[in-house]
N, C-alpha and C. Protein backbone atom coordinates (compact mmCIF):
# COMPACT_ATOMS: atom_id res chain seq x y z
N MET A 1 49.67 -46.51 44.08
CA MET A 1 49.44 -47.94 43.99
C MET A 1 48.26 -48.21 43.06
N ASP A 2 48.24 -49.39 42.50
CA ASP A 2 47.24 -49.79 41.52
C ASP A 2 45.90 -50.09 42.19
N GLN A 3 44.86 -49.35 41.81
CA GLN A 3 43.55 -49.56 42.42
C GLN A 3 42.94 -50.89 42.02
N HIS A 4 43.13 -51.30 40.76
CA HIS A 4 42.59 -52.59 40.32
C HIS A 4 43.24 -53.72 41.12
N GLY A 5 44.54 -53.65 41.31
CA GLY A 5 45.24 -54.64 42.12
C GLY A 5 44.77 -54.62 43.56
N GLY A 6 44.43 -53.43 44.05
CA GLY A 6 43.90 -53.30 45.40
C GLY A 6 42.56 -54.00 45.54
N ARG A 7 41.71 -53.84 44.54
CA ARG A 7 40.40 -54.51 44.58
C ARG A 7 40.58 -56.03 44.57
N ALA A 8 41.50 -56.52 43.75
CA ALA A 8 41.76 -57.96 43.70
C ALA A 8 42.29 -58.46 45.04
N THR A 9 43.14 -57.69 45.67
CA THR A 9 43.69 -58.05 46.98
C THR A 9 42.58 -58.12 48.01
N ILE A 10 41.70 -57.13 48.01
CA ILE A 10 40.59 -57.10 48.97
C ILE A 10 39.64 -58.27 48.72
N LEU A 11 39.33 -58.54 47.47
CA LEU A 11 38.45 -59.65 47.11
C LEU A 11 39.01 -60.97 47.63
N GLU A 12 40.29 -61.19 47.42
CA GLU A 12 40.94 -62.42 47.88
C GLU A 12 40.93 -62.50 49.40
N PHE A 13 41.19 -61.38 50.06
CA PHE A 13 41.17 -61.33 51.52
C PHE A 13 39.79 -61.73 52.06
N ILE A 14 38.74 -61.14 51.50
CA ILE A 14 37.38 -61.42 51.96
C ILE A 14 37.06 -62.90 51.75
N GLN A 15 37.44 -63.44 50.59
CA GLN A 15 37.16 -64.86 50.31
C GLN A 15 37.84 -65.77 51.33
N LYS A 16 39.10 -65.52 51.61
CA LYS A 16 39.84 -66.37 52.55
C LYS A 16 39.27 -66.30 53.96
N VAL A 17 38.96 -65.11 54.41
CA VAL A 17 38.42 -64.94 55.76
C VAL A 17 37.06 -65.62 55.87
N CYS A 18 36.20 -65.39 54.90
CA CYS A 18 34.86 -65.96 54.95
C CYS A 18 34.88 -67.49 54.85
N GLN A 19 35.74 -68.03 54.00
CA GLN A 19 35.83 -69.49 53.86
C GLN A 19 36.22 -70.15 55.17
N SER A 20 37.05 -69.48 55.94
CA SER A 20 37.49 -70.07 57.20
C SER A 20 36.42 -69.98 58.29
N MET A 21 35.41 -69.14 58.08
CA MET A 21 34.39 -68.93 59.10
C MET A 21 33.13 -69.77 58.90
N ILE A 22 32.84 -70.14 57.67
CA ILE A 22 31.54 -70.75 57.37
C ILE A 22 31.65 -72.26 57.16
N ASP A 23 30.50 -72.94 57.24
CA ASP A 23 30.45 -74.39 57.09
C ASP A 23 30.23 -74.82 55.64
N LYS A 24 29.66 -73.96 54.82
CA LYS A 24 29.33 -74.31 53.43
C LYS A 24 30.04 -73.36 52.46
N PRO A 25 31.37 -73.50 52.34
CA PRO A 25 32.11 -72.57 51.48
C PRO A 25 31.76 -72.68 50.00
N ASP A 26 31.11 -73.77 49.59
CA ASP A 26 30.71 -73.90 48.19
C ASP A 26 29.67 -72.85 47.80
N TYR A 27 28.94 -72.35 48.77
CA TYR A 27 27.91 -71.35 48.52
C TYR A 27 28.43 -69.92 48.62
N LEU A 28 29.70 -69.77 48.94
CA LEU A 28 30.28 -68.44 49.11
C LEU A 28 30.51 -67.78 47.76
N SER A 29 30.09 -66.56 47.66
CA SER A 29 30.34 -65.76 46.46
C SER A 29 30.73 -64.35 46.91
N VAL A 30 31.84 -63.86 46.41
CA VAL A 30 32.28 -62.51 46.71
C VAL A 30 32.51 -61.79 45.39
N SER A 31 31.87 -60.65 45.24
CA SER A 31 32.03 -59.87 44.02
C SER A 31 32.16 -58.40 44.39
N TYR A 32 32.48 -57.59 43.41
CA TYR A 32 32.53 -56.15 43.68
C TYR A 32 31.99 -55.36 42.50
N GLN A 33 31.51 -54.18 42.83
CA GLN A 33 30.99 -53.25 41.83
C GLN A 33 31.69 -51.92 42.07
N VAL A 34 32.22 -51.37 41.00
CA VAL A 34 32.94 -50.11 41.10
C VAL A 34 31.98 -48.97 40.82
N GLY A 35 31.85 -48.08 41.80
CA GLY A 35 31.04 -46.88 41.63
C GLY A 35 31.93 -45.70 41.34
N GLU A 36 31.35 -44.51 41.32
CA GLU A 36 32.12 -43.31 41.03
C GLU A 36 33.21 -43.07 42.07
N GLN A 37 32.85 -43.23 43.35
CA GLN A 37 33.81 -42.97 44.42
C GLN A 37 34.06 -44.16 45.33
N THR A 38 33.16 -45.14 45.30
CA THR A 38 33.23 -46.24 46.25
C THR A 38 33.12 -47.59 45.53
N THR A 39 33.87 -48.55 46.02
CA THR A 39 33.76 -49.91 45.53
C THR A 39 32.96 -50.71 46.54
N GLN A 40 31.89 -51.37 46.07
CA GLN A 40 31.06 -52.19 46.94
C GLN A 40 31.46 -53.65 46.78
N PHE A 41 31.83 -54.27 47.89
CA PHE A 41 32.13 -55.69 47.90
C PHE A 41 30.91 -56.40 48.47
N VAL A 42 30.38 -57.36 47.73
CA VAL A 42 29.16 -58.06 48.12
C VAL A 42 29.49 -59.51 48.45
N ILE A 43 29.14 -59.91 49.67
CA ILE A 43 29.36 -61.28 50.12
C ILE A 43 28.01 -61.99 50.13
N GLU A 44 27.96 -63.15 49.48
CA GLU A 44 26.76 -63.98 49.52
C GLU A 44 27.13 -65.32 50.11
N VAL A 45 26.34 -65.76 51.08
CA VAL A 45 26.57 -67.05 51.73
C VAL A 45 25.25 -67.79 51.86
N HIS A 46 25.34 -69.08 52.16
CA HIS A 46 24.15 -69.89 52.43
C HIS A 46 23.46 -69.33 53.67
N LYS A 47 22.14 -69.44 53.71
CA LYS A 47 21.41 -68.87 54.85
C LYS A 47 21.82 -69.47 56.18
N ASP A 48 22.28 -70.73 56.17
CA ASP A 48 22.71 -71.37 57.42
C ASP A 48 24.01 -70.76 57.97
N ASP A 49 24.79 -70.13 57.11
CA ASP A 49 26.06 -69.54 57.51
C ASP A 49 25.96 -68.04 57.82
N MET A 50 24.80 -67.46 57.61
CA MET A 50 24.64 -66.02 57.79
C MET A 50 25.00 -65.59 59.21
N GLY A 51 24.55 -66.33 60.21
CA GLY A 51 24.83 -65.97 61.60
C GLY A 51 26.31 -66.02 61.93
N LYS A 52 27.02 -66.99 61.38
CA LYS A 52 28.45 -67.11 61.62
C LYS A 52 29.20 -65.95 60.99
N LEU A 53 28.78 -65.56 59.80
CA LEU A 53 29.44 -64.46 59.12
C LEU A 53 29.21 -63.14 59.84
N ILE A 54 27.99 -62.91 60.28
CA ILE A 54 27.67 -61.65 60.95
C ILE A 54 28.23 -61.64 62.38
N GLY A 55 28.07 -62.74 63.08
CA GLY A 55 28.60 -62.84 64.44
C GLY A 55 27.70 -62.20 65.48
N LYS A 56 28.05 -62.42 66.72
CA LYS A 56 27.27 -61.87 67.83
C LYS A 56 27.35 -60.35 67.81
N ASN A 57 26.21 -59.71 67.77
CA ASN A 57 26.10 -58.26 67.71
C ASN A 57 26.85 -57.66 66.52
N GLY A 58 27.03 -58.45 65.46
CA GLY A 58 27.69 -57.96 64.25
C GLY A 58 29.19 -57.81 64.37
N GLN A 59 29.78 -58.46 65.36
CA GLN A 59 31.22 -58.29 65.58
C GLN A 59 32.06 -58.85 64.44
N ASN A 60 31.69 -60.00 63.89
CA ASN A 60 32.50 -60.60 62.82
C ASN A 60 32.50 -59.74 61.58
N ILE A 61 31.32 -59.38 61.10
CA ILE A 61 31.26 -58.57 59.88
C ILE A 61 31.82 -57.18 60.14
N GLY A 62 31.67 -56.68 61.35
CA GLY A 62 32.25 -55.39 61.70
C GLY A 62 33.77 -55.42 61.61
N SER A 63 34.36 -56.51 62.06
CA SER A 63 35.82 -56.66 61.98
C SER A 63 36.28 -56.76 60.53
N ILE A 64 35.55 -57.53 59.74
CA ILE A 64 35.89 -57.65 58.32
C ILE A 64 35.82 -56.28 57.65
N ARG A 65 34.78 -55.53 57.95
CA ARG A 65 34.62 -54.19 57.35
C ARG A 65 35.76 -53.26 57.75
N THR A 66 36.17 -53.33 59.00
CA THR A 66 37.28 -52.49 59.47
C THR A 66 38.57 -52.84 58.73
N LEU A 67 38.86 -54.13 58.62
CA LEU A 67 40.07 -54.55 57.93
C LEU A 67 40.03 -54.19 56.44
N VAL A 68 38.88 -54.35 55.81
CA VAL A 68 38.76 -53.99 54.40
C VAL A 68 38.97 -52.49 54.21
N THR A 69 38.43 -51.69 55.10
CA THR A 69 38.63 -50.24 55.02
C THR A 69 40.11 -49.89 55.13
N ASN A 70 40.82 -50.56 56.02
CA ASN A 70 42.26 -50.31 56.18
C ASN A 70 43.05 -50.72 54.95
N ILE A 71 42.72 -51.87 54.37
CA ILE A 71 43.40 -52.31 53.16
C ILE A 71 43.09 -51.35 52.01
N ALA A 72 41.84 -50.95 51.89
CA ALA A 72 41.42 -50.05 50.81
C ALA A 72 42.16 -48.72 50.89
N THR A 73 42.37 -48.22 52.09
CA THR A 73 43.08 -46.96 52.28
C THR A 73 44.50 -47.06 51.72
N LYS A 74 45.12 -48.19 51.89
CA LYS A 74 46.47 -48.40 51.36
C LYS A 74 46.51 -48.23 49.85
N TYR A 75 45.41 -48.61 49.18
CA TYR A 75 45.32 -48.51 47.72
C TYR A 75 44.55 -47.27 47.25
N GLN A 76 44.32 -46.35 48.17
CA GLN A 76 43.61 -45.11 47.87
C GLN A 76 42.22 -45.39 47.31
N LEU A 77 41.53 -46.31 47.95
CA LEU A 77 40.17 -46.68 47.57
C LEU A 77 39.22 -46.41 48.72
N ARG A 78 37.95 -46.27 48.39
CA ARG A 78 36.89 -46.27 49.39
C ARG A 78 36.11 -47.54 49.15
N ALA A 79 35.91 -48.32 50.19
CA ALA A 79 35.24 -49.61 50.04
C ALA A 79 34.21 -49.82 51.13
N VAL A 80 33.10 -50.46 50.75
CA VAL A 80 32.08 -50.90 51.70
C VAL A 80 31.84 -52.38 51.47
N VAL A 81 31.45 -53.07 52.54
CA VAL A 81 31.18 -54.50 52.46
C VAL A 81 29.71 -54.73 52.77
N LEU A 82 29.02 -55.40 51.85
CA LEU A 82 27.60 -55.72 52.02
C LEU A 82 27.45 -57.23 52.10
N VAL A 83 26.44 -57.68 52.84
CA VAL A 83 26.18 -59.12 52.98
C VAL A 83 24.78 -59.40 52.45
N GLU A 84 24.69 -60.40 51.55
CA GLU A 84 23.40 -60.81 51.01
C GLU A 84 23.23 -62.31 51.22
N GLU A 85 21.98 -62.73 51.36
CA GLU A 85 21.69 -64.15 51.53
C GLU A 85 21.45 -64.79 50.20
């Protein structure tokens, strides 16, 4: 399967999930950086939405990371999700 297409799929997935969770979607930015072995997906949100994105005890972001890992495996990718304010 196409790795570039996989990255685009993951990027779109992260954007849709995050937009549905936060109050200020205009401040949402999702990007990725391709490393030698791993693709880093970086989520940036408004500081007021940080708690909603992370969730209680990190459950929300943990779930997003698990789903991204599963999608990445389908495209033979290694992916990590980082959150920045």
